Amino acid sequence: MKPLSEQELHNLAMNIVGKQLEENGYEFMAVNSRLKKNPQFVCLKNKKLHFVVVKCISYPDDPKEFDLSTLDKIKDHAIKFEADTYFASVGLVNAKNYKEPVYLNEDYIVDYEGLIKL
């Protein structure tokens, strides 16, 4: 069994958020999957620009606890473009054993409550 790398976990979190954005009528203008390069999604909805920052949080860390001050730079950047900024914190954990990493082709549990407007 191969544990997912940090990049693979990030990509999985992006897929989860991307699906939600698509279902909610967002049109993707740009997608960036590189780690620590924000925002991950630049979207258009109702003629309004939206920046979405995605962060994967691995167990035991809590996806509901995060430092929004680290997102000030991206929020300032969004203001220049008259864009709304959102944060998507996605918790991922191995479904069989919380102490194990998330493995490729194994079940996992998602803790994601949606976009948080900054």
PDB file of N, CA and C in Angstrom:
ATOM      1  N   MET A   1       0.846  -1.187   0.000  1.00  0.00           N
ATOM      2  CA  MET A   1       0.000   0.000   0.000  1.00  0.00           C
ATOM      3  C   MET A   1       0.890   1.248   0.000  1.00  0.00           C
ATOM      4  N   LYS A   2       0.526   2.174  -0.867  1.00  0.00           N
ATOM      5  CA  LYS A   2       1.301   3.404  -1.014  1.00  0.00           C
ATOM      6  C   LYS A   2       0.535   4.579  -0.412  1.00  0.00           C
ATOM      7  N   PRO A   3       1.133   5.252   0.604  1.00  0.00           N
ATOM      8  CA  PRO A   3       0.463   6.442   1.133  1.00  0.00           C
ATOM      9  C   PRO A   3       0.471   7.558   0.089  1.00  0.00           C
ATOM     10  N   LEU A   4      -0.575   8.352   0.080  1.00  0.00           N
ATOM     11  CA  LEU A   4      -0.626   9.488  -0.839  1.00  0.00           C
ATOM     12  C   LEU A   4       0.396  10.534  -0.403  1.00  0.00           C
ATOM     13  N   SER A   5       1.071  11.120  -1.375  1.00  0.00           N
ATOM     14  CA  SER A   5       2.043  12.178  -1.105  1.00  0.00           C
ATOM     15  C   SER A   5       1.298  13.467  -0.755  1.00  0.00           C
ATOM     16  N   GLU A   6       2.022  14.460  -0.275  1.00  0.00           N
ATOM     17  CA  GLU A   6       1.411  15.747   0.044  1.00  0.00           C
ATOM     18  C   GLU A   6       0.740  16.343  -1.197  1.00  0.00           C
ATOM     19  N   GLN A   7       1.391  16.221  -2.350  1.00  0.00           N
ATOM     20  CA  GLN A   7       0.818  16.736  -3.595  1.00  0.00           C
ATOM     21  C   GLN A   7      -0.443  15.968  -3.972  1.00  0.00           C
ATOM     22  N   GLU A   8      -0.435  14.639  -3.814  1.00  0.00           N
ATOM     23  CA  GLU A   8      -1.610  13.830  -4.154  1.00  0.00           C
ATOM     24  C   GLU A   8      -2.791  14.142  -3.218  1.00  0.00           C
ATOM     25  N   LEU A   9      -2.509  14.364  -1.936  1.00  0.00           N
ATOM     26  CA  LEU A   9      -3.569  14.757  -0.997  1.00  0.00           C
ATOM     27  C   LEU A   9      -4.142  16.112  -1.390  1.00  0.00           C
ATOM     28  N   HIS A  10      -3.264  17.030  -1.764  1.00  0.00           N
ATOM     29  CA  HIS A  10      -3.688  18.364  -2.213  1.00  0.00           C
ATOM     30  C   HIS A  10      -4.585  18.251  -3.453  1.00  0.00           C
ATOM     31  N   ASN A  11      -4.170  17.424  -4.406  1.00  0.00           N
ATOM     32  CA  ASN A  11      -4.959  17.229  -5.627  1.00  0.00           C
ATOM     33  C   ASN A  11      -6.328  16.618  -5.310  1.00  0.00           C
ATOM     34  N   LEU A  12      -6.376  15.683  -4.359  1.00  0.00           N
ATOM     35  CA  LEU A  12      -7.632  15.067  -3.957  1.00  0.00           C
ATOM     36  C   LEU A  12      -8.556  16.131  -3.342  1.00  0.00           C
ATOM     37  N   ALA A  13      -8.010  16.970  -2.478  1.00  0.00           N
ATOM     38  CA  ALA A  13      -8.799  18.055  -1.876  1.00  0.00           C
ATOM     39  C   ALA A  13      -9.305  19.004  -2.960  1.00  0.00           C
ATOM     40  N   MET A  14      -8.455  19.315  -3.925  1.00  0.00           N
ATOM     41  CA  MET A  14      -8.867  20.190  -5.030  1.00  0.00           C
ATOM     42  C   MET A  14      -9.999  19.569  -5.843  1.00  0.00           C
ATOM     43  N   ASN A  15      -9.949  18.263  -6.069  1.00  0.00           N
ATOM     44  CA  ASN A  15     -11.019  17.579  -6.803  1.00  0.00           C
ATOM     45  C   ASN A  15     -12.345  17.677  -6.057  1.00  0.00           C
ATOM     46  N   ILE A  16     -12.301  17.538  -4.743  1.00  0.00           N
ATOM     47  CA  ILE A  16     -13.506  17.615  -3.917  1.00  0.00           C
ATOM     48  C   ILE A  16     -14.108  19.021  -4.026  1.00  0.00           C
ATOM     49  N   VAL A  17     -13.271  20.036  -3.874  1.00  0.00           N
ATOM     50  CA  VAL A  17     -13.742  21.427  -3.942  1.00  0.00           C
ATOM     51  C   VAL A  17     -14.167  21.772  -5.366  1.00  0.00           C
ATOM     52  N   GLY A  18     -13.390  21.342  -6.355  1.00  0.00           N
ATOM     53  CA  GLY A  18     -13.701  21.619  -7.757  1.00  0.00           C
ATOM     54  C   GLY A  18     -15.062  21.076  -8.158  1.00  0.00           C
ATOM     55  N   LYS A  19     -15.387  19.882  -7.669  1.00  0.00           N
ATOM     56  CA  LYS A  19     -16.702  19.279  -7.954  1.00  0.00           C
ATOM     57  C   LYS A  19     -17.821  20.151  -7.391  1.00  0.00           C
ATOM     58  N   GLN A  20     -17.630  20.632  -6.155  1.00  0.00           N
ATOM     59  CA  GLN A  20     -18.636  21.482  -5.531  1.00  0.00           C
ATOM     60  C   GLN A  20     -18.799  22.781  -6.314  1.00  0.00           C
ATOM     61  N   LEU A  21     -17.688  23.391  -6.718  1.00  0.00           N
ATOM     62  CA  LEU A  21     -17.755  24.635  -7.488  1.00  0.00           C
ATOM     63  C   LEU A  21     -18.520  24.416  -8.792  1.00  0.00           C
ATOM     64  N   GLU A  22     -18.191  23.324  -9.479  1.00  0.00           N
ATOM     65  CA  GLU A  22     -18.846  23.002 -10.750  1.00  0.00           C
ATOM     66  C   GLU A  22     -20.350  22.811 -10.551  1.00  0.00           C
ATOM     67  N   GLU A  23     -20.720  22.061  -9.502  1.00  0.00           N
ATOM     68  CA  GLU A  23     -22.142  21.812  -9.218  1.00  0.00           C
ATOM     69  C   GLU A  23     -22.889  23.100  -8.884  1.00  0.00           C
ATOM     70  N   ASN A  24     -22.157  24.100  -8.374  1.00  0.00           N
ATOM     71  CA  ASN A  24     -22.781  25.365  -7.997  1.00  0.00           C
ATOM     72  C   ASN A  24     -22.664  26.434  -9.082  1.00  0.00           C
ATOM     73  N   GLY A  25     -22.307  26.019 -10.287  1.00  0.00           N
ATOM     74  CA  GLY A  25     -22.351  26.923 -11.427  1.00  0.00           C
ATOM     75  C   GLY A  25     -21.151  27.830 -11.625  1.00  0.00           C
ATOM     76  N   TYR A  26     -20.027  27.523 -10.974  1.00  0.00           N
ATOM     77  CA  TYR A  26     -18.811  28.312 -11.181  1.00  0.00           C
ATOM     78  C   TYR A  26     -18.132  27.867 -12.475  1.00  0.00           C
ATOM     79  N   GLU A  27     -17.615  28.833 -13.210  1.00  0.00           N
ATOM     80  CA  GLU A  27     -16.885  28.562 -14.450  1.00  0.00           C
ATOM     81  C   GLU A  27     -15.399  28.772 -14.156  1.00  0.00           C
ATOM     82  N   PHE A  28     -14.592  27.766 -14.444  1.00  0.00           N
ATOM     83  CA  PHE A  28     -13.163  27.832 -14.145  1.00  0.00           C
ATOM     84  C   PHE A  28     -12.427  28.689 -15.168  1.00  0.00           C
ATOM     85  N   MET A  29     -11.746  29.710 -14.677  1.00  0.00           N
ATOM     86  CA  MET A  29     -10.916  30.575 -15.526  1.00  0.00           C
ATOM     87  C   MET A  29      -9.463  30.102 -15.477  1.00  0.00           C
ATOM     88  N   ALA A  30      -9.026  29.660 -14.280  1.00  0.00           N
ATOM     89  CA  ALA A  30      -7.666  29.158 -14.085  1.00  0.00           C
ATOM     90  C   ALA A  30      -7.680  28.171 -12.925  1.00  0.00           C
ATOM     91  N   VAL A  31      -6.853  27.130 -13.053  1.00  0.00           N
ATOM     92  CA  VAL A  31      -6.704  26.128 -12.008  1.00  0.00           C
ATOM     93  C   VAL A  31      -5.214  25.936 -11.767  1.00  0.00           C
ATOM     94  N   ASN A  32      -4.816  25.996 -10.500  1.00  0.00           N
ATOM     95  CA  ASN A  32      -3.416  25.846 -10.143  1.00  0.00           C
ATOM     96  C   ASN A  32      -3.298  24.785  -9.060  1.00  0.00           C
ATOM     97  N   SER A  33      -2.660  23.681  -9.368  1.00  0.00           N
ATOM     98  CA  SER A  33      -2.564  22.586  -8.405  1.00  0.00           C
ATOM     99  C   SER A  33      -1.214  22.525  -7.688  1.00  0.00           C
ATOM    100  N   ARG A  34      -0.344  23.508  -7.934  1.00  0.00           N
ATOM    101  CA  ARG A  34       0.964  23.486  -7.260  1.00  0.00           C
ATOM    102  C   ARG A  34       0.797  23.799  -5.773  1.00  0.00           C
ATOM    103  N   LEU A  35       1.484  23.047  -4.955  1.00  0.00           N
ATOM    104  CA  LEU A  35       1.442  23.268  -3.510  1.00  0.00           C
ATOM    105  C   LEU A  35       1.938  24.660  -3.158  1.00  0.00           C
ATOM    106  N   LYS A  36       1.286  25.252  -2.168  1.00  0.00           N
ATOM    107  CA  LYS A  36       1.670  26.564  -1.631  1.00  0.00           C
ATOM    108  C   LYS A  36       1.628  27.695  -2.658  1.00  0.00           C
ATOM    109  N   LYS A  37       0.921  27.488  -3.768  1.00  0.00           N
ATOM    110  CA  LYS A  37       0.736  28.513  -4.797  1.00  0.00           C
ATOM    111  C   LYS A  37      -0.749  28.830  -4.839  1.00  0.00           C
ATOM    112  N   ASN A  38      -1.114  30.009  -4.367  1.00  0.00           N
ATOM    113  CA  ASN A  38      -2.529  30.380  -4.238  1.00  0.00           C
ATOM    114  C   ASN A  38      -2.923  31.441  -5.252  1.00  0.00           C
ATOM    115  N   PRO A  39      -4.183  31.510  -5.650  1.00  0.00           N
ATOM    116  CA  PRO A  39      -5.276  30.598  -5.317  1.00  0.00           C
ATOM    117  C   PRO A  39      -5.236  29.357  -6.195  1.00  0.00           C
ATOM    118  N   GLN A  40      -5.967  28.331  -5.778  1.00  0.00           N
ATOM    119  CA  GLN A  40      -6.046  27.112  -6.584  1.00  0.00           C
ATOM    120  C   GLN A  40      -7.052  27.277  -7.723  1.00  0.00           C
ATOM    121  N   PHE A  41      -8.129  28.003  -7.450  1.00  0.00           N
ATOM    122  CA  PHE A  41      -9.156  28.218  -8.470  1.00  0.00           C
ATOM    123  C   PHE A  41      -9.430  29.707  -8.647  1.00  0.00           C
ATOM    124  N   VAL A  42      -9.493  30.127  -9.896  1.00  0.00           N
ATOM    125  CA  VAL A  42     -10.012  31.451 -10.246  1.00  0.00           C
ATOM    126  C   VAL A  42     -11.251  31.145 -11.079  1.00  0.00           C
ATOM    127  N   CYS A  43     -12.400  31.581 -10.559  1.00  0.00           N
ATOM    128  CA  CYS A  43     -13.677  31.214 -11.177  1.00  0.00           C
ATOM    129  C   CYS A  43     -14.527  32.446 -11.459  1.00  0.00           C
ATOM    130  N   LEU A  44     -15.483  32.229 -12.335  1.00  0.00           N
ATOM    131  CA  LEU A  44     -16.452  33.259 -12.668  1.00  0.00           C
ATOM    132  C   LEU A  44     -17.843  32.692 -12.382  1.00  0.00           C
ATOM    133  N   LYS A  45     -18.665  33.503 -11.705  1.00  0.00           N
ATOM    134  CA  LYS A  45     -20.067  33.127 -11.495  1.00  0.00           C
ATOM    135  C   LYS A  45     -20.862  34.421 -11.438  1.00  0.00           C
ATOM    136  N   ASN A  46     -21.923  34.458 -12.233  1.00  0.00           N
ATOM    137  CA  ASN A  46     -22.764  35.658 -12.312  1.00  0.00           C
ATOM    138  C   ASN A  46     -21.925  36.909 -12.609  1.00  0.00           C
ATOM    139  N   LYS A  47     -20.995  36.752 -13.542  1.00  0.00           N
ATOM    140  CA  LYS A  47     -20.115  37.845 -13.992  1.00  0.00           C
ATOM    141  C   LYS A  47     -19.223  38.396 -12.869  1.00  0.00           C
ATOM    142  N   LYS A  48     -19.047  37.636 -11.790  1.00  0.00           N
ATOM    143  CA  LYS A  48     -18.223  38.043 -10.657  1.00  0.00           C
ATOM    144  C   LYS A  48     -17.042  37.080 -10.545  1.00  0.00           C
ATOM    145  N   LEU A  49     -15.840  37.632 -10.298  1.00  0.00           N
ATOM    146  CA  LEU A  49     -14.629  36.842 -10.160  1.00  0.00           C
ATOM    147  C   LEU A  49     -14.505  36.313  -8.726  1.00  0.00           C
ATOM    148  N   HIS A  50     -14.066  35.060  -8.598  1.00  0.00           N
ATOM    149  CA  HIS A  50     -13.911  34.417  -7.291  1.00  0.00           C
ATOM    150  C   HIS A  50     -12.552  33.730  -7.231  1.00  0.00           C
ATOM    151  N   PHE A  51     -11.817  33.960  -6.143  1.00  0.00           N
ATOM    152  CA  PHE A  51     -10.560  33.267  -5.872  1.00  0.00           C
ATOM    153  C   PHE A  51     -10.833  32.246  -4.774  1.00  0.00           C
ATOM    154  N   VAL A  52     -10.389  31.006  -4.976  1.00  0.00           N
ATOM    155  CA  VAL A  52     -10.607  29.950  -3.990  1.00  0.00           C
ATOM    156  C   VAL A  52      -9.265  29.322  -3.623  1.00  0.00           C
ATOM    157  N   VAL A  53      -8.936  29.369  -2.338  1.00  0.00           N
ATOM    158  CA  VAL A  53      -7.733  28.752  -1.802  1.00  0.00           C
ATOM    159  C   VAL A  53      -8.137  27.434  -1.158  1.00  0.00           C
ATOM    160  N   VAL A  54      -7.474  26.345  -1.566  1.00  0.00           N
ATOM    161  CA  VAL A  54      -7.781  25.011  -1.049  1.00  0.00           C
ATOM    162  C   VAL A  54      -6.612  24.538  -0.191  1.00  0.00           C
ATOM    163  N   LYS A  55      -6.938  24.012   0.978  1.00  0.00           N
ATOM    164  CA  LYS A  55      -5.907  23.454   1.847  1.00  0.00           C
ATOM    165  C   LYS A  55      -6.364  22.091   2.333  1.00  0.00           C
ATOM    166  N   CYS A  56      -5.489  21.095   2.161  1.00  0.00           N
ATOM    167  CA  CYS A  56      -5.762  19.745   2.662  1.00  0.00           C
ATOM    168  C   CYS A  56      -5.216  19.655   4.089  1.00  0.00           C
ATOM    169  N   ILE A  57      -6.051  19.189   4.988  1.00  0.00           N
ATOM    170  CA  ILE A  57      -5.675  19.038   6.396  1.00  0.00           C
ATOM    171  C   ILE A  57      -5.742  17.550   6.736  1.00  0.00           C
ATOM    172  N   SER A  58      -4.612  16.972   7.111  1.00  0.00           N
ATOM    173  CA  SER A  58      -4.574  15.552   7.456  1.00  0.00           C
ATOM    174  C   SER A  58      -4.831  15.350   8.938  1.00  0.00           C
ATOM    175  N   TYR A  59      -5.533  14.270   9.246  1.00  0.00           N
ATOM    176  CA  TYR A  59      -5.794  13.900  10.636  1.00  0.00           C
ATOM    177  C   TYR A  59      -4.462  13.706  11.348  1.00  0.00           C
ATOM    178  N   PRO A  60      -4.294  14.143  12.576  1.00  0.00           N
ATOM    179  CA  PRO A  60      -5.288  14.554  13.557  1.00  0.00           C
ATOM    180  C   PRO A  60      -5.595  16.058  13.561  1.00  0.00           C
ATOM    181  N   ASP A  61      -4.995  16.819  12.665  1.00  0.00           N
ATOM    182  CA  ASP A  61      -5.288  18.254  12.626  1.00  0.00           C
ATOM    183  C   ASP A  61      -6.752  18.476  12.246  1.00  0.00           C
ATOM    184  N   ASP A  62      -7.338  19.522  12.780  1.00  0.00           N
ATOM    185  CA  ASP A  62      -8.753  19.825  12.582  1.00  0.00           C
ATOM    186  C   ASP A  62      -8.919  20.836  11.449  1.00  0.00           C
ATOM    187  N   PRO A  63      -9.643  20.473  10.373  1.00  0.00           N
ATOM    188  CA  PRO A  63      -9.820  21.405   9.260  1.00  0.00           C
ATOM    189  C   PRO A  63     -10.621  22.652   9.641  1.00  0.00           C
ATOM    190  N   LYS A  64     -11.286  22.617  10.792  1.00  0.00           N
ATOM    191  CA  LYS A  64     -12.059  23.786  11.220  1.00  0.00           C
ATOM    192  C   LYS A  64     -11.189  24.812  11.947  1.00  0.00           C
ATOM    193  N   GLU A  65      -9.930  24.438  12.252  1.00  0.00           N
ATOM    194  CA  GLU A  65      -9.011  25.348  12.928  1.00  0.00           C
ATOM    195  C   GLU A  65      -7.907  25.745  11.946  1.00  0.00           C
ATOM    196  N   PHE A  66      -7.884  27.015  11.584  1.00  0.00           N
ATOM    197  CA  PHE A  66      -6.872  27.488  10.643  1.00  0.00           C
ATOM    198  C   PHE A  66      -6.594  28.950  10.900  1.00  0.00           C
ATOM    199  N   ASP A  67      -5.474  29.415  10.411  1.00  0.00           N
ATOM    200  CA  ASP A  67      -5.053  30.798  10.620  1.00  0.00           C
ATOM    201  C   ASP A  67      -5.372  31.611   9.369  1.00  0.00           C
ATOM    202  N   LEU A  68      -6.442  32.395   9.441  1.00  0.00           N
ATOM    203  CA  LEU A  68      -6.856  33.188   8.280  1.00  0.00           C
ATOM    204  C   LEU A  68      -5.876  34.311   7.957  1.00  0.00           C
ATOM    205  N   SER A  69      -5.050  34.706   8.925  1.00  0.00           N
ATOM    206  CA  SER A  69      -4.105  35.801   8.663  1.00  0.00           C
ATOM    207  C   SER A  69      -3.102  35.419   7.574  1.00  0.00           C
ATOM    208  N   THR A  70      -2.865  34.120   7.398  1.00  0.00           N
ATOM    209  CA  THR A  70      -1.946  33.684   6.340  1.00  0.00           C
ATOM    210  C   THR A  70      -2.545  33.912   4.957  1.00  0.00           C
ATOM    211  N   LEU A  71      -3.841  34.189   4.908  1.00  0.00           N
ATOM    212  CA  LEU A  71      -4.517  34.384   3.628  1.00  0.00           C
ATOM    213  C   LEU A  71      -4.701  35.856   3.275  1.00  0.00           C
ATOM    214  N   ASP A  72      -4.179  36.743   4.111  1.00  0.00           N
ATOM    215  CA  ASP A  72      -4.330  38.182   3.860  1.00  0.00           C
ATOM    216  C   ASP A  72      -3.747  38.603   2.513  1.00  0.00           C
ATOM    217  N   LYS A  73      -2.611  38.029   2.158  1.00  0.00           N
ATOM    218  CA  LYS A  73      -1.945  38.397   0.898  1.00  0.00           C
ATOM    219  C   LYS A  73      -2.844  38.087  -0.309  1.00  0.00           C
ATOM    220  N   ILE A  74      -3.444  36.907  -0.312  1.00  0.00           N
ATOM    221  CA  ILE A  74      -4.305  36.526  -1.440  1.00  0.00           C
ATOM    222  C   ILE A  74      -5.584  37.352  -1.418  1.00  0.00           C
ATOM    223  N   LYS A  75      -6.073  37.678  -0.224  1.00  0.00           N
ATOM    224  CA  LYS A  75      -7.274  38.506  -0.122  1.00  0.00           C
ATOM    225  C   LYS A  75      -6.996  39.903  -0.678  1.00  0.00           C
ATOM    226  N   ASP A  76      -5.837  40.470  -0.355  1.00  0.00           N
ATOM    227  CA  ASP A  76      -5.448  41.783  -0.890  1.00  0.00           C
ATOM    228  C   ASP A  76      -5.336  41.729  -2.415  1.00  0.00           C
ATOM    229  N   HIS A  77      -4.784  40.634  -2.927  1.00  0.00           N
ATOM    230  CA  HIS A  77      -4.655  40.450  -4.378  1.00  0.00           C
ATOM    231  C   HIS A  77      -6.039  40.403  -5.034  1.00  0.00           C
ATOM    232  N   ALA A  78      -6.962  39.718  -4.388  1.00  0.00           N
ATOM    233  CA  ALA A  78      -8.323  39.590  -4.932  1.00  0.00           C
ATOM    234  C   ALA A  78      -9.023  40.941  -4.981  1.00  0.00           C
ATOM    235  N   ILE A  79      -8.785  41.780  -3.987  1.00  0.00           N
ATOM    236  CA  ILE A  79      -9.426  43.094  -3.947  1.00  0.00           C
ATOM    237  C   ILE A  79      -9.050  43.914  -5.181  1.00  0.00           C
ATOM    238  N   LYS A  80      -7.809  43.789  -5.627  1.00  0.00           N
ATOM    239  CA  LYS A  80      -7.350  44.516  -6.822  1.00  0.00           C
ATOM    240  C   LYS A  80      -8.152  44.121  -8.064  1.00  0.00           C
ATOM    241  N   PHE A  81      -8.651  42.887  -8.063  1.00  0.00           N
ATOM    242  CA  PHE A  81      -9.421  42.382  -9.203  1.00  0.00           C
ATOM    243  C   PHE A  81     -10.925  42.404  -8.926  1.00  0.00           C
ATOM    244  N   GLU A  82     -11.308  43.032  -7.811  1.00  0.00           N
ATOM    245  CA  GLU A  82     -12.711  43.068  -7.390  1.00  0.00           C
ATOM    246  C   GLU A  82     -13.303  41.663  -7.316  1.00  0.00           C
ATOM    247  N   ALA A  83     -12.497  40.739  -6.787  1.00  0.00           N
ATOM    248  CA  ALA A  83     -12.910  39.338  -6.673  1.00  0.00           C
ATOM    249  C   ALA A  83     -13.266  39.006  -5.230  1.00  0.00           C
ATOM    250  N   ASP A  84     -14.181  38.066  -5.063  1.00  0.00           N
ATOM    251  CA  ASP A  84     -14.467  37.512  -3.748  1.00  0.00           C
ATOM    252  C   ASP A  84     -13.429  36.424  -3.484  1.00  0.00           C
ATOM    253  N   THR A  85     -13.033  36.281  -2.220  1.00  0.00           N
ATOM    254  CA  THR A  85     -12.039  35.282  -1.850  1.00  0.00           C
ATOM    255  C   THR A  85     -12.671  34.269  -0.906  1.00  0.00           C
ATOM    256  N   TYR A  86     -12.380  33.002  -1.156  1.00  0.00           N
ATOM    257  CA  TYR A  86     -12.908  31.916  -0.334  1.00  0.00           C
ATOM    258  C   TYR A  86     -11.777  30.988   0.076  1.00  0.00           C
ATOM    259  N   PHE A  87     -11.974  30.351   1.229  1.00  0.00           N
ATOM    260  CA  PHE A  87     -11.045  29.347   1.727  1.00  0.00           C
ATOM    261  C   PHE A  87     -11.798  28.034   1.830  1.00  0.00           C
ATOM    262  N   ALA A  88     -11.184  26.972   1.343  1.00  0.00           N
ATOM    263  CA  ALA A  88     -11.777  25.638   1.415  1.00  0.00           C
ATOM    264  C   ALA A  88     -10.806  24.729   2.160  1.00  0.00           C
ATOM    265  N   SER A  89     -11.160  24.377   3.386  1.00  0.00           N
ATOM    266  CA  SER A  89     -10.340  23.516   4.224  1.00  0.00           C
ATOM    267  C   SER A  89     -10.916  22.100   4.162  1.00  0.00           C
ATOM    268  N   VAL A  90     -10.120  21.167   3.631  1.00  0.00           N
ATOM    269  CA  VAL A  90     -10.602  19.803   3.408  1.00  0.00           C
ATOM    270  C   VAL A  90      -9.814  18.839   4.286  1.00  0.00           C
ATOM    271  N   GLY A  91     -10.504  18.225   5.256  1.00  0.00           N
ATOM    272  CA  GLY A  91      -9.874  17.220   6.105  1.00  0.00           C
ATOM    273  C   GLY A  91      -9.984  15.853   5.467  1.00  0.00           C
ATOM    274  N   LEU A  92      -8.881  15.108   5.490  1.00  0.00           N
ATOM    275  CA  LEU A  92      -8.867  13.753   4.936  1.00  0.00           C
ATOM    276  C   LEU A  92      -8.242  12.796   5.954  1.00  0.00           C
ATOM    277  N   VAL A  93      -8.865  11.623   6.101  1.00  0.00           N
ATOM    278  CA  VAL A  93      -8.357  10.620   7.039  1.00  0.00           C
ATOM    279  C   VAL A  93      -8.644   9.217   6.494  1.00  0.00           C
ATOM    280  N   ASN A  94      -7.765   8.287   6.810  1.00  0.00           N
ATOM    281  CA  ASN A  94      -7.933   6.888   6.437  1.00  0.00           C
ATOM    282  C   ASN A  94      -9.223   6.362   7.080  1.00  0.00           C
ATOM    283  N   ALA A  95     -10.088   5.746   6.293  1.00  0.00           N
ATOM    284  CA  ALA A  95     -11.394   5.298   6.785  1.00  0.00           C
ATOM    285  C   ALA A  95     -11.287   4.091   7.717  1.00  0.00           C
ATOM    286  N   LYS A  96     -10.277   3.265   7.549  1.00  0.00           N
ATOM    287  CA  LYS A  96     -10.155   2.044   8.363  1.00  0.00           C
ATOM    288  C   LYS A  96      -9.428   2.297   9.678  1.00  0.00           C
ATOM    289  N   ASN A  97      -8.445   3.195   9.639  1.00  0.00           N
ATOM    290  CA  ASN A  97      -7.639   3.445  10.832  1.00  0.00           C
ATOM    291  C   ASN A  97      -7.161   4.890  10.798  1.00  0.00           C
ATOM    292  N   TYR A  98      -7.700   5.712  11.691  1.00  0.00           N
ATOM    293  CA  TYR A  98      -7.363   7.138  11.701  1.00  0.00           C
ATOM    294  C   TYR A  98      -5.870   7.393  11.908  1.00  0.00           C
ATOM    295  N   LYS A  99      -5.162   6.429  12.482  1.00  0.00           N
ATOM    296  CA  LYS A  99      -3.726   6.609  12.747  1.00  0.00           C
ATOM    297  C   LYS A  99      -2.864   6.311  11.520  1.00  0.00           C
ATOM    298  N   GLU A 100      -3.459   5.738  10.507  1.00  0.00           N
ATOM    299  CA  GLU A 100      -2.753   5.409   9.268  1.00  0.00           C
ATOM    300  C   GLU A 100      -2.901   6.553   8.267  1.00  0.00           C
ATOM    301  N   PRO A 101      -1.956   6.687   7.339  1.00  0.00           N
ATOM    302  CA  PRO A 101      -2.125   7.710   6.293  1.00  0.00           C
ATOM    303  C   PRO A 101      -3.218   7.298   5.299  1.00  0.00           C
ATOM    304  N   VAL A 102      -3.614   8.229   4.456  1.00  0.00           N
ATOM    305  CA  VAL A 102      -4.548   7.917   3.369  1.00  0.00           C
ATOM    306  C   VAL A 102      -3.731   7.214   2.288  1.00  0.00           C
ATOM    307  N   TYR A 103      -4.201   6.026   1.893  1.00  0.00           N
ATOM    308  CA  TYR A 103      -3.489   5.219   0.902  1.00  0.00           C
ATOM    309  C   TYR A 103      -4.166   5.299  -0.460  1.00  0.00           C
ATOM    310  N   LEU A 104      -3.360   5.123  -1.490  1.00  0.00           N
ATOM    311  CA  LEU A 104      -3.855   5.065  -2.861  1.00  0.00           C
ATOM    312  C   LEU A 104      -4.840   3.905  -2.986  1.00  0.00           C
ATOM    313  N   ASN A 105      -5.985   4.156  -3.601  1.00  0.00           N
ATOM    314  CA  ASN A 105      -7.019   3.143  -3.843  1.00  0.00           C
ATOM    315  C   ASN A 105      -7.600   2.530  -2.575  1.00  0.00           C
ATOM    316  N   GLU A 106      -7.571   3.260  -1.472  1.00  0.00           N
ATOM    317  CA  GLU A 106      -8.181   2.822  -0.223  1.00  0.00           C
ATOM    318  C   GLU A 106      -9.245   3.838   0.180  1.00  0.00           C
ATOM    319  N   ASP A 107     -10.193   3.421   0.997  1.00  0.00           N
ATOM    320  CA  ASP A 107     -11.261   4.323   1.444  1.00  0.00           C
ATOM    321  C   ASP A 107     -10.718   5.403   2.367  1.00  0.00           C
ATOM    322  N   TYR A 108     -11.330   6.568   2.273  1.00  0.00           N
ATOM    323  CA  TYR A 108     -10.963   7.688   3.131  1.00  0.00           C
ATOM    324  C   TYR A 108     -12.237   8.441   3.508  1.00  0.00           C
ATOM    325  N   ILE A 109     -12.133   9.239   4.554  1.00  0.00           N
ATOM    326  CA  ILE A 109     -13.253  10.043   5.030  1.00  0.00           C
ATOM    327  C   ILE A 109     -12.918  11.505   4.772  1.00  0.00           C
ATOM    328  N   VAL A 110     -13.912  12.246   4.289  1.00  0.00           N
ATOM    329  CA  VAL A 110     -13.745  13.668   3.983  1.00  0.00           C
ATOM    330  C   VAL A 110     -14.475  14.494   5.043  1.00  0.00           C
ATOM    331  N   ASP A 111     -13.783  15.483   5.585  1.00  0.00           N
ATOM    332  CA  ASP A 111     -14.384  16.446   6.505  1.00  0.00           C
ATOM    333  C   ASP A 111     -14.292  17.802   5.827  1.00  0.00           C
ATOM    334  N   TYR A 112     -15.379  18.189   5.165  1.00  0.00           N
ATOM    335  CA  TYR A 112     -15.394  19.425   4.395  1.00  0.00           C
ATOM    336  C   TYR A 112     -16.788  20.033   4.495  1.00  0.00           C
ATOM    337  N   GLU A 113     -16.848  21.262   4.977  1.00  0.00           N
ATOM    338  CA  GLU A 113     -18.147  21.908   5.188  1.00  0.00           C
ATOM    339  C   GLU A 113     -18.426  23.019   4.200  1.00  0.00           C
ATOM    340  N   GLY A 114     -17.626  23.119   3.160  1.00  0.00           N
ATOM    341  CA  GLY A 114     -17.897  24.109   2.131  1.00  0.00           C
ATOM    342  C   GLY A 114     -16.964  25.314   2.180  1.00  0.00           C
ATOM    343  N   LEU A 115     -17.250  26.267   1.325  1.00  0.00           N
ATOM    344  CA  LEU A 115     -16.412  27.456   1.185  1.00  0.00           C
ATOM    345  C   LEU A 115     -16.626  28.422   2.350  1.00  0.00           C
ATOM    346  N   ILE A 116     -15.537  29.029   2.777  1.00  0.00           N
ATOM    347  CA  ILE A 116     -15.573  30.051   3.822  1.00  0.00           C
ATOM    348  C   ILE A 116     -15.182  31.360   3.175  1.00  0.00           C
ATOM    349  N   LYS A 117     -16.106  32.316   3.174  1.00  0.00           N
ATOM    350  CA  LYS A 117     -15.820  33.608   2.540  1.00  0.00           C
ATOM    351  C   LYS A 117     -14.904  34.419   3.448  1.00  0.00           C
ATOM    352  N   LEU A 118     -13.860  34.966   2.845  1.00  0.00           N
ATOM    353  CA  LEU A 118     -12.898  35.785   3.613  1.00  0.00           C
ATOM    354  C   LEU A 118     -13.254  37.246   3.538  1.00  0.00           C
TER     355      LEU A 118
END
